[in-house]
Amino acid sequence: FDYDQTRALYQGNLIRNNGYDFETAQQAVMSGAADAIAFGRLLLANPDLVERFRRGAPLNAPDYDRLYTGEEQGYTDYPFLAG
């Protein structure tokens, strides 16, 4: 999928995703390449993702072995930041 080609053809609101971190998301929005960035895996692994971005805190890594299992582990057991 080519987001740049999509942006060239479509001038409406464009939400990009897949592989962004805080810095690359900011760059994409500030440059006009995207209007917003969607975070999926990072949000699953970091229920406090916005606060982590705000503080520049380290991120939890997604546990890919536990995704899509139907169990709580891998969805509801990621740690929050302290304090």
PDB file of N, CA and C in Angstrom:
ATOM      1  N   PHE A   1       0.843  -1.178   0.000  1.00  0.00           N
ATOM      2  CA  PHE A   1       0.000   0.000   0.000  1.00  0.00           C
ATOM      3  C   PHE A   1       0.882   1.232   0.000  1.00  0.00           C
ATOM      4  N   ASP A   2       0.584   2.162  -0.851  1.00  0.00           N
ATOM      5  CA  ASP A   2       1.406   3.365  -0.995  1.00  0.00           C
ATOM      6  C   ASP A   2       0.633   4.585  -0.484  1.00  0.00           C
ATOM      7  N   TYR A   3       0.937   4.993   0.752  1.00  0.00           N
ATOM      8  CA  TYR A   3       0.256   6.150   1.335  1.00  0.00           C
ATOM      9  C   TYR A   3       0.542   7.430   0.563  1.00  0.00           C
ATOM     10  N   ASP A   4       1.751   7.578   0.073  1.00  0.00           N
ATOM     11  CA  ASP A   4       2.094   8.802  -0.655  1.00  0.00           C
ATOM     12  C   ASP A   4       1.284   8.918  -1.939  1.00  0.00           C
ATOM     13  N   GLN A   5       1.084   7.815  -2.627  1.00  0.00           N
ATOM     14  CA  GLN A   5       0.263   7.835  -3.836  1.00  0.00           C
ATOM     15  C   GLN A   5      -1.188   8.142  -3.476  1.00  0.00           C
ATOM     16  N   THR A   6      -1.654   7.571  -2.382  1.00  0.00           N
ATOM     17  CA  THR A   6      -3.014   7.851  -1.933  1.00  0.00           C
ATOM     18  C   THR A   6      -3.177   9.330  -1.620  1.00  0.00           C
ATOM     19  N   ARG A   7      -2.217   9.921  -0.926  1.00  0.00           N
ATOM     20  CA  ARG A   7      -2.290  11.342  -0.583  1.00  0.00           C
ATOM     21  C   ARG A   7      -2.293  12.203  -1.841  1.00  0.00           C
ATOM     22  N   ALA A   8      -1.536  11.819  -2.848  1.00  0.00           N
ATOM     23  CA  ALA A   8      -1.493  12.588  -4.095  1.00  0.00           C
ATOM     24  C   ALA A   8      -2.846  12.568  -4.808  1.00  0.00           C
ATOM     25  N   LEU A   9      -3.589  11.494  -4.662  1.00  0.00           N
ATOM     26  CA  LEU A   9      -4.872  11.351  -5.351  1.00  0.00           C
ATOM     27  C   LEU A   9      -6.063  11.776  -4.506  1.00  0.00           C
ATOM     28  N   TYR A  10      -5.902  11.780  -3.196  1.00  0.00           N
ATOM     29  CA  TYR A  10      -7.010  12.046  -2.282  1.00  0.00           C
ATOM     30  C   TYR A  10      -6.604  13.120  -1.290  1.00  0.00           C
ATOM     31  N   GLN A  11      -7.357  14.209  -1.257  1.00  0.00           N
ATOM     32  CA  GLN A  11      -7.012  15.330  -0.384  1.00  0.00           C
ATOM     33  C   GLN A  11      -7.872  15.409   0.871  1.00  0.00           C
ATOM     34  N   GLY A  12      -8.736  14.428   1.086  1.00  0.00           N
ATOM     35  CA  GLY A  12      -9.545  14.393   2.300  1.00  0.00           C
ATOM     36  C   GLY A  12      -8.717  13.941   3.493  1.00  0.00           C
ATOM     37  N   ASN A  13      -9.393  13.686   4.602  1.00  0.00           N
ATOM     38  CA  ASN A  13      -8.703  13.229   5.810  1.00  0.00           C
ATOM     39  C   ASN A  13      -8.092  11.854   5.581  1.00  0.00           C
ATOM     40  N   LEU A  14      -6.818  11.729   5.892  1.00  0.00           N
ATOM     41  CA  LEU A  14      -6.097  10.475   5.698  1.00  0.00           C
ATOM     42  C   LEU A  14      -5.476  10.046   7.021  1.00  0.00           C
ATOM     43  N   ILE A  15      -5.861   8.873   7.485  1.00  0.00           N
ATOM     44  CA  ILE A  15      -5.311   8.305   8.708  1.00  0.00           C
ATOM     45  C   ILE A  15      -4.390   7.160   8.309  1.00  0.00           C
ATOM     46  N   ARG A  16      -3.137   7.279   8.706  1.00  0.00           N
ATOM     47  CA  ARG A  16      -2.151   6.248   8.388  1.00  0.00           C
ATOM     48  C   ARG A  16      -1.921   5.374   9.613  1.00  0.00           C
ATOM     49  N   ASN A  17      -1.364   4.188   9.382  1.00  0.00           N
ATOM     50  CA  ASN A  17      -1.029   3.292  10.489  1.00  0.00           C
ATOM     51  C   ASN A  17       0.095   2.362  10.058  1.00  0.00           C
ATOM     52  N   ASN A  18       0.509   1.508  10.978  1.00  0.00           N
ATOM     53  CA  ASN A  18       1.462   0.429  10.733  1.00  0.00           C
ATOM     54  C   ASN A  18       2.915   0.876  10.838  1.00  0.00           C
ATOM     55  N   GLY A  19       3.479   0.622  12.006  1.00  0.00           N
ATOM     56  CA  GLY A  19       4.906   0.824  12.194  1.00  0.00           C
ATOM     57  C   GLY A  19       5.331   2.193  12.681  1.00  0.00           C
ATOM     58  N   TYR A  20       4.404   3.032  13.063  1.00  0.00           N
ATOM     59  CA  TYR A  20       4.759   4.369  13.532  1.00  0.00           C
ATOM     60  C   TYR A  20       5.134   4.354  15.004  1.00  0.00           C
ATOM     61  N   ASP A  21       6.076   5.224  15.352  1.00  0.00           N
ATOM     62  CA  ASP A  21       6.358   5.525  16.746  1.00  0.00           C
ATOM     63  C   ASP A  21       6.025   7.003  16.935  1.00  0.00           C
ATOM     64  N   PHE A  22       6.306   7.534  18.105  1.00  0.00           N
ATOM     65  CA  PHE A  22       5.934   8.922  18.381  1.00  0.00           C
ATOM     66  C   PHE A  22       6.561   9.895  17.385  1.00  0.00           C
ATOM     67  N   GLU A  23       7.855   9.743  17.138  1.00  0.00           N
ATOM     68  CA  GLU A  23       8.559  10.685  16.266  1.00  0.00           C
ATOM     69  C   GLU A  23       8.084  10.588  14.818  1.00  0.00           C
ATOM     70  N   THR A  24       7.963   9.368  14.296  1.00  0.00           N
ATOM     71  CA  THR A  24       7.549   9.234  12.897  1.00  0.00           C
ATOM     72  C   THR A  24       6.091   9.638  12.713  1.00  0.00           C
ATOM     73  N   ALA A  25       5.273   9.433  13.733  1.00  0.00           N
ATOM     74  CA  ALA A  25       3.882   9.879  13.663  1.00  0.00           C
ATOM     75  C   ALA A  25       3.817  11.403  13.608  1.00  0.00           C
ATOM     76  N   GLN A  26       4.595  12.060  14.459  1.00  0.00           N
ATOM     77  CA  GLN A  26       4.636  13.525  14.436  1.00  0.00           C
ATOM     78  C   GLN A  26       5.095  14.042  13.080  1.00  0.00           C
ATOM     79  N   GLN A  27       6.129  13.433  12.532  1.00  0.00           N
ATOM     80  CA  GLN A  27       6.648  13.863  11.232  1.00  0.00           C
ATOM     81  C   GLN A  27       5.590  13.721  10.147  1.00  0.00           C
ATOM     82  N   ALA A  28       4.871  12.608  10.150  1.00  0.00           N
ATOM     83  CA  ALA A  28       3.854  12.377   9.128  1.00  0.00           C
ATOM     84  C   ALA A  28       2.741  13.415   9.204  1.00  0.00           C
ATOM     85  N   VAL A  29       2.310  13.742  10.412  1.00  0.00           N
ATOM     86  CA  VAL A  29       1.240  14.730  10.572  1.00  0.00           C
ATOM     87  C   VAL A  29       1.747  16.137  10.265  1.00  0.00           C
ATOM     88  N   MET A  30       2.907  16.489  10.785  1.00  0.00           N
ATOM     89  CA  MET A  30       3.449  17.839  10.568  1.00  0.00           C
ATOM     90  C   MET A  30       3.758  18.105   9.092  1.00  0.00           C
ATOM     91  N   SER A  31       4.145  17.077   8.357  1.00  0.00           N
ATOM     92  CA  SER A  31       4.475  17.254   6.939  1.00  0.00           C
ATOM     93  C   SER A  31       3.238  17.271   6.050  1.00  0.00           C
ATOM     94  N   GLY A  32       2.088  16.898   6.604  1.00  0.00           N
ATOM     95  CA  GLY A  32       0.871  16.833   5.805  1.00  0.00           C
ATOM     96  C   GLY A  32       0.677  15.496   5.111  1.00  0.00           C
ATOM     97  N   ALA A  33       1.574  14.552   5.350  1.00  0.00           N
ATOM     98  CA  ALA A  33       1.441  13.225   4.745  1.00  0.00           C
ATOM     99  C   ALA A  33       0.250  12.469   5.328  1.00  0.00           C
ATOM    100  N   ALA A  34      -0.169  12.860   6.531  1.00  0.00           N
ATOM    101  CA  ALA A  34      -1.323  12.245   7.188  1.00  0.00           C
ATOM    102  C   ALA A  34      -2.005  13.296   8.042  1.00  0.00           C
ATOM    103  N   ASP A  35      -3.289  13.081   8.288  1.00  0.00           N
ATOM    104  CA  ASP A  35      -4.021  13.961   9.193  1.00  0.00           C
ATOM    105  C   ASP A  35      -4.028  13.401  10.609  1.00  0.00           C
ATOM    106  N   ALA A  36      -3.847  12.099  10.712  1.00  0.00           N
ATOM    107  CA  ALA A  36      -3.778  11.427  12.012  1.00  0.00           C
ATOM    108  C   ALA A  36      -3.064  10.097  11.820  1.00  0.00           C
ATOM    109  N   ILE A  37      -2.599   9.545  12.933  1.00  0.00           N
ATOM    110  CA  ILE A  37      -1.958   8.238  12.927  1.00  0.00           C
ATOM    111  C   ILE A  37      -2.728   7.344  13.889  1.00  0.00           C
ATOM    112  N   ALA A  38      -3.036   6.135  13.451  1.00  0.00           N
ATOM    113  CA  ALA A  38      -3.701   5.143  14.299  1.00  0.00           C
ATOM    114  C   ALA A  38      -2.655   4.187  14.855  1.00  0.00           C
ATOM    115  N   PHE A  39      -2.736   3.930  16.135  1.00  0.00           N
ATOM    116  CA  PHE A  39      -1.828   2.997  16.796  1.00  0.00           C
ATOM    117  C   PHE A  39      -2.633   1.782  17.240  1.00  0.00           C
ATOM    118  N   GLY A  40      -2.266   0.613  16.773  1.00  0.00           N
ATOM    119  CA  GLY A  40      -2.953  -0.616  17.151  1.00  0.00           C
ATOM    120  C   GLY A  40      -2.149  -1.429  18.138  1.00  0.00           C
ATOM    121  N   ARG A  41      -1.095  -2.068  17.649  1.00  0.00           N
ATOM    122  CA  ARG A  41      -0.279  -2.943  18.498  1.00  0.00           C
ATOM    123  C   ARG A  41       0.322  -2.184  19.670  1.00  0.00           C
ATOM    124  N   LEU A  42       0.824  -0.968  19.417  1.00  0.00           N
ATOM    125  CA  LEU A  42       1.410  -0.193  20.518  1.00  0.00           C
ATOM    126  C   LEU A  42       0.367   0.139  21.576  1.00  0.00           C
ATOM    127  N   LEU A  43      -0.855   0.409  21.150  1.00  0.00           N
ATOM    128  CA  LEU A  43      -1.907   0.728  22.114  1.00  0.00           C
ATOM    129  C   LEU A  43      -2.316  -0.503  22.917  1.00  0.00           C
ATOM    130  N   LEU A  44      -2.354  -1.663  22.279  1.00  0.00           N
ATOM    131  CA  LEU A  44      -2.646  -2.891  23.026  1.00  0.00           C
ATOM    132  C   LEU A  44      -1.615  -3.132  24.116  1.00  0.00           C
ATOM    133  N   ALA A  45      -0.350  -2.921  23.784  1.00  0.00           N
ATOM    134  CA  ALA A  45       0.737  -3.210  24.723  1.00  0.00           C
ATOM    135  C   ALA A  45       0.974  -2.088  25.726  1.00  0.00           C
ATOM    136  N   ASN A  46       0.404  -0.923  25.467  1.00  0.00           N
ATOM    137  CA  ASN A  46       0.623   0.244  26.325  1.00  0.00           C
ATOM    138  C   ASN A  46      -0.712   0.933  26.570  1.00  0.00           C
ATOM    139  N   PRO A  47      -1.475   0.468  27.559  1.00  0.00           N
ATOM    140  CA  PRO A  47      -2.785   1.053  27.804  1.00  0.00           C
ATOM    141  C   PRO A  47      -2.716   2.539  28.160  1.00  0.00           C
ATOM    142  N   ASP A  48      -1.533   3.005  28.501  1.00  0.00           N
ATOM    143  CA  ASP A  48      -1.302   4.418  28.809  1.00  0.00           C
ATOM    144  C   ASP A  48      -0.395   5.045  27.741  1.00  0.00           C
ATOM    145  N   LEU A  49      -0.605   4.677  26.493  1.00  0.00           N
ATOM    146  CA  LEU A  49       0.288   5.088  25.408  1.00  0.00           C
ATOM    147  C   LEU A  49       0.455   6.605  25.322  1.00  0.00           C
ATOM    148  N   VAL A  50      -0.619   7.338  25.438  1.00  0.00           N
ATOM    149  CA  VAL A  50      -0.527   8.800  25.339  1.00  0.00           C
ATOM    150  C   VAL A  50       0.362   9.359  26.446  1.00  0.00           C
ATOM    151  N   GLU A  51       0.217   8.856  27.646  1.00  0.00           N
ATOM    152  CA  GLU A  51       1.050   9.321  28.761  1.00  0.00           C
ATOM    153  C   GLU A  51       2.511   8.930  28.543  1.00  0.00           C
ATOM    154  N   ARG A  52       2.752   7.751  28.022  1.00  0.00           N
ATOM    155  CA  ARG A  52       4.128   7.338  27.723  1.00  0.00           C
ATOM    156  C   ARG A  52       4.743   8.255  26.669  1.00  0.00           C
ATOM    157  N   PHE A  53       3.989   8.583  25.647  1.00  0.00           N
ATOM    158  CA  PHE A  53       4.481   9.520  24.631  1.00  0.00           C
ATOM    159  C   PHE A  53       4.774  10.877  25.273  1.00  0.00           C
ATOM    160  N   ARG A  54       3.854  11.344  26.106  1.00  0.00           N
ATOM    161  CA  ARG A  54       4.018  12.655  26.742  1.00  0.00           C
ATOM    162  C   ARG A  54       5.279  12.708  27.588  1.00  0.00           C
ATOM    163  N   ARG A  55       5.562  11.631  28.323  1.00  0.00           N
ATOM    164  CA  ARG A  55       6.725  11.590  29.215  1.00  0.00           C
ATOM    165  C   ARG A  55       8.011  11.138  28.525  1.00  0.00           C
ATOM    166  N   GLY A  56       7.902  10.639  27.307  1.00  0.00           N
ATOM    167  CA  GLY A  56       9.077  10.063  26.655  1.00  0.00           C
ATOM    168  C   GLY A  56       9.502   8.770  27.328  1.00  0.00           C
ATOM    169  N   ALA A  57       8.533   8.075  27.916  1.00  0.00           N
ATOM    170  CA  ALA A  57       8.802   6.847  28.672  1.00  0.00           C
ATOM    171  C   ALA A  57       8.974   5.658  27.732  1.00  0.00           C
ATOM    172  N   PRO A  58       9.671   4.625  28.196  1.00  0.00           N
ATOM    173  CA  PRO A  58       9.823   3.423  27.368  1.00  0.00           C
ATOM    174  C   PRO A  58       8.475   2.739  27.136  1.00  0.00           C
ATOM    175  N   LEU A  59       8.390   2.031  26.031  1.00  0.00           N
ATOM    176  CA  LEU A  59       7.155   1.346  25.662  1.00  0.00           C
ATOM    177  C   LEU A  59       7.264  -0.145  25.954  1.00  0.00           C
ATOM    178  N   ASN A  60       6.132  -0.741  26.337  1.00  0.00           N
ATOM    179  CA  ASN A  60       6.055  -2.198  26.432  1.00  0.00           C
ATOM    180  C   ASN A  60       6.043  -2.759  25.016  1.00  0.00           C
ATOM    181  N   ALA A  61       6.698  -3.874  24.812  1.00  0.00           N
ATOM    182  CA  ALA A  61       6.662  -4.546  23.513  1.00  0.00           C
ATOM    183  C   ALA A  61       5.431  -5.451  23.449  1.00  0.00           C
ATOM    184  N   PRO A  62       4.732  -5.468  22.319  1.00  0.00           N
ATOM    185  CA  PRO A  62       3.598  -6.385  22.188  1.00  0.00           C
ATOM    186  C   PRO A  62       4.062  -7.838  22.289  1.00  0.00           C
ATOM    187  N   ASP A  63       3.261  -8.664  22.926  1.00  0.00           N
ATOM    188  CA  ASP A  63       3.544 -10.096  23.036  1.00  0.00           C
ATOM    189  C   ASP A  63       2.779 -10.791  21.906  1.00  0.00           C
ATOM    190  N   TYR A  64       3.421 -10.942  20.767  1.00  0.00           N
ATOM    191  CA  TYR A  64       2.759 -11.468  19.573  1.00  0.00           C
ATOM    192  C   TYR A  64       2.289 -12.908  19.746  1.00  0.00           C
ATOM    193  N   ASP A  65       2.913 -13.666  20.619  1.00  0.00           N
ATOM    194  CA  ASP A  65       2.489 -15.047  20.847  1.00  0.00           C
ATOM    195  C   ASP A  65       1.131 -15.119  21.527  1.00  0.00           C
ATOM    196  N   ARG A  66       0.712 -14.043  22.158  1.00  0.00           N
ATOM    197  CA  ARG A  66      -0.546 -14.060  22.898  1.00  0.00           C
ATOM    198  C   ARG A  66      -1.668 -13.279  22.202  1.00  0.00           C
ATOM    199  N   LEU A  67      -1.387 -12.666  21.088  1.00  0.00           N
ATOM    200  CA  LEU A  67      -2.441 -11.949  20.366  1.00  0.00           C
ATOM    201  C   LEU A  67      -3.401 -12.943  19.716  1.00  0.00           C
ATOM    202  N   TYR A  68      -4.662 -12.589  19.706  1.00  0.00           N
ATOM    203  CA  TYR A  68      -5.713 -13.373  19.046  1.00  0.00           C
ATOM    204  C   TYR A  68      -5.906 -14.758  19.657  1.00  0.00           C
ATOM    205  N   THR A  69      -5.631 -14.903  20.941  1.00  0.00           N
ATOM    206  CA  THR A  69      -5.829 -16.198  21.592  1.00  0.00           C
ATOM    207  C   THR A  69      -7.181 -16.280  22.283  1.00  0.00           C
ATOM    208  N   GLY A  70      -7.832 -15.144  22.503  1.00  0.00           N
ATOM    209  CA  GLY A  70      -9.081 -15.127  23.241  1.00  0.00           C
ATOM    210  C   GLY A  70      -8.884 -15.121  24.745  1.00  0.00           C
ATOM    211  N   GLU A  71      -7.650 -15.081  25.179  1.00  0.00           N
ATOM    212  CA  GLU A  71      -7.327 -15.069  26.606  1.00  0.00           C
ATOM    213  C   GLU A  71      -7.021 -13.642  27.062  1.00  0.00           C
ATOM    214  N   GLU A  72      -7.040 -13.428  28.378  1.00  0.00           N
ATOM    215  CA  GLU A  72      -6.729 -12.106  28.917  1.00  0.00           C
ATOM    216  C   GLU A  72      -5.261 -11.750  28.732  1.00  0.00           C
ATOM    217  N   GLN A  73      -4.374 -12.751  28.859  1.00  0.00           N
ATOM    218  CA  GLN A  73      -2.948 -12.465  28.718  1.00  0.00           C
ATOM    219  C   GLN A  73      -2.674 -11.954  27.306  1.00  0.00           C
ATOM    220  N   GLY A  74      -1.932 -10.875  27.265  1.00  0.00           N
ATOM    221  CA  GLY A  74      -1.630 -10.263  25.986  1.00  0.00           C
ATOM    222  C   GLY A  74      -2.586  -9.140  25.625  1.00  0.00           C
ATOM    223  N   TYR A  75      -3.673  -8.999  26.399  1.00  0.00           N
ATOM    224  CA  TYR A  75      -4.609  -7.901  26.165  1.00  0.00           C
ATOM    225  C   TYR A  75      -4.793  -7.024  27.397  1.00  0.00           C
ATOM    226  N   THR A  76      -4.910  -7.637  28.556  1.00  0.00           N
ATOM    227  CA  THR A  76      -5.245  -6.855  29.752  1.00  0.00           C
ATOM    228  C   THR A  76      -4.169  -6.894  30.824  1.00  0.00           C
ATOM    229  N   ASP A  77      -3.023  -7.477  30.530  1.00  0.00           N
ATOM    230  CA  ASP A  77      -2.023  -7.631  31.585  1.00  0.00           C
ATOM    231  C   ASP A  77      -0.748  -6.824  31.364  1.00  0.00           C
ATOM    232  N   TYR A  78      -0.755  -5.903  30.437  1.00  0.00           N
ATOM    233  CA  TYR A  78       0.435  -5.069  30.236  1.00  0.00           C
ATOM    234  C   TYR A  78       0.534  -4.039  31.354  1.00  0.00           C
ATOM    235  N   PRO A  79       1.739  -3.776  31.853  1.00  0.00           N
ATOM    236  CA  PRO A  79       1.891  -2.848  32.972  1.00  0.00           C
ATOM    237  C   PRO A  79       1.715  -1.383  32.567  1.00  0.00           C
ATOM    238  N   PHE A  80       1.146  -0.628  33.487  1.00  0.00           N
ATOM    239  CA  PHE A  80       1.038   0.823  33.357  1.00  0.00           C
ATOM    240  C   PHE A  80       2.305   1.462  33.917  1.00  0.00           C
ATOM    241  N   LEU A  81       2.524   2.714  33.567  1.00  0.00           N
ATOM    242  CA  LEU A  81       3.614   3.474  34.175  1.00  0.00           C
ATOM    243  C   LEU A  81       3.347   3.658  35.666  1.00  0.00           C
ATOM    244  N   ALA A  82       4.382   3.717  36.435  1.00  0.00           N
ATOM    245  CA  ALA A  82       4.236   4.000  37.863  1.00  0.00           C
ATOM    246  C   ALA A  82       4.051   5.498  38.070  1.00  0.00           C
ATOM    247  N   GLY A  83       3.227   5.854  39.053  1.00  0.00           N
ATOM    248  CA  GLY A  83       3.047   7.224  39.491  1.00  0.00           C
ATOM    249  C   GLY A  83       2.680   8.142  38.439  1.00  0.00           C
TER     250      GLY A  83
END
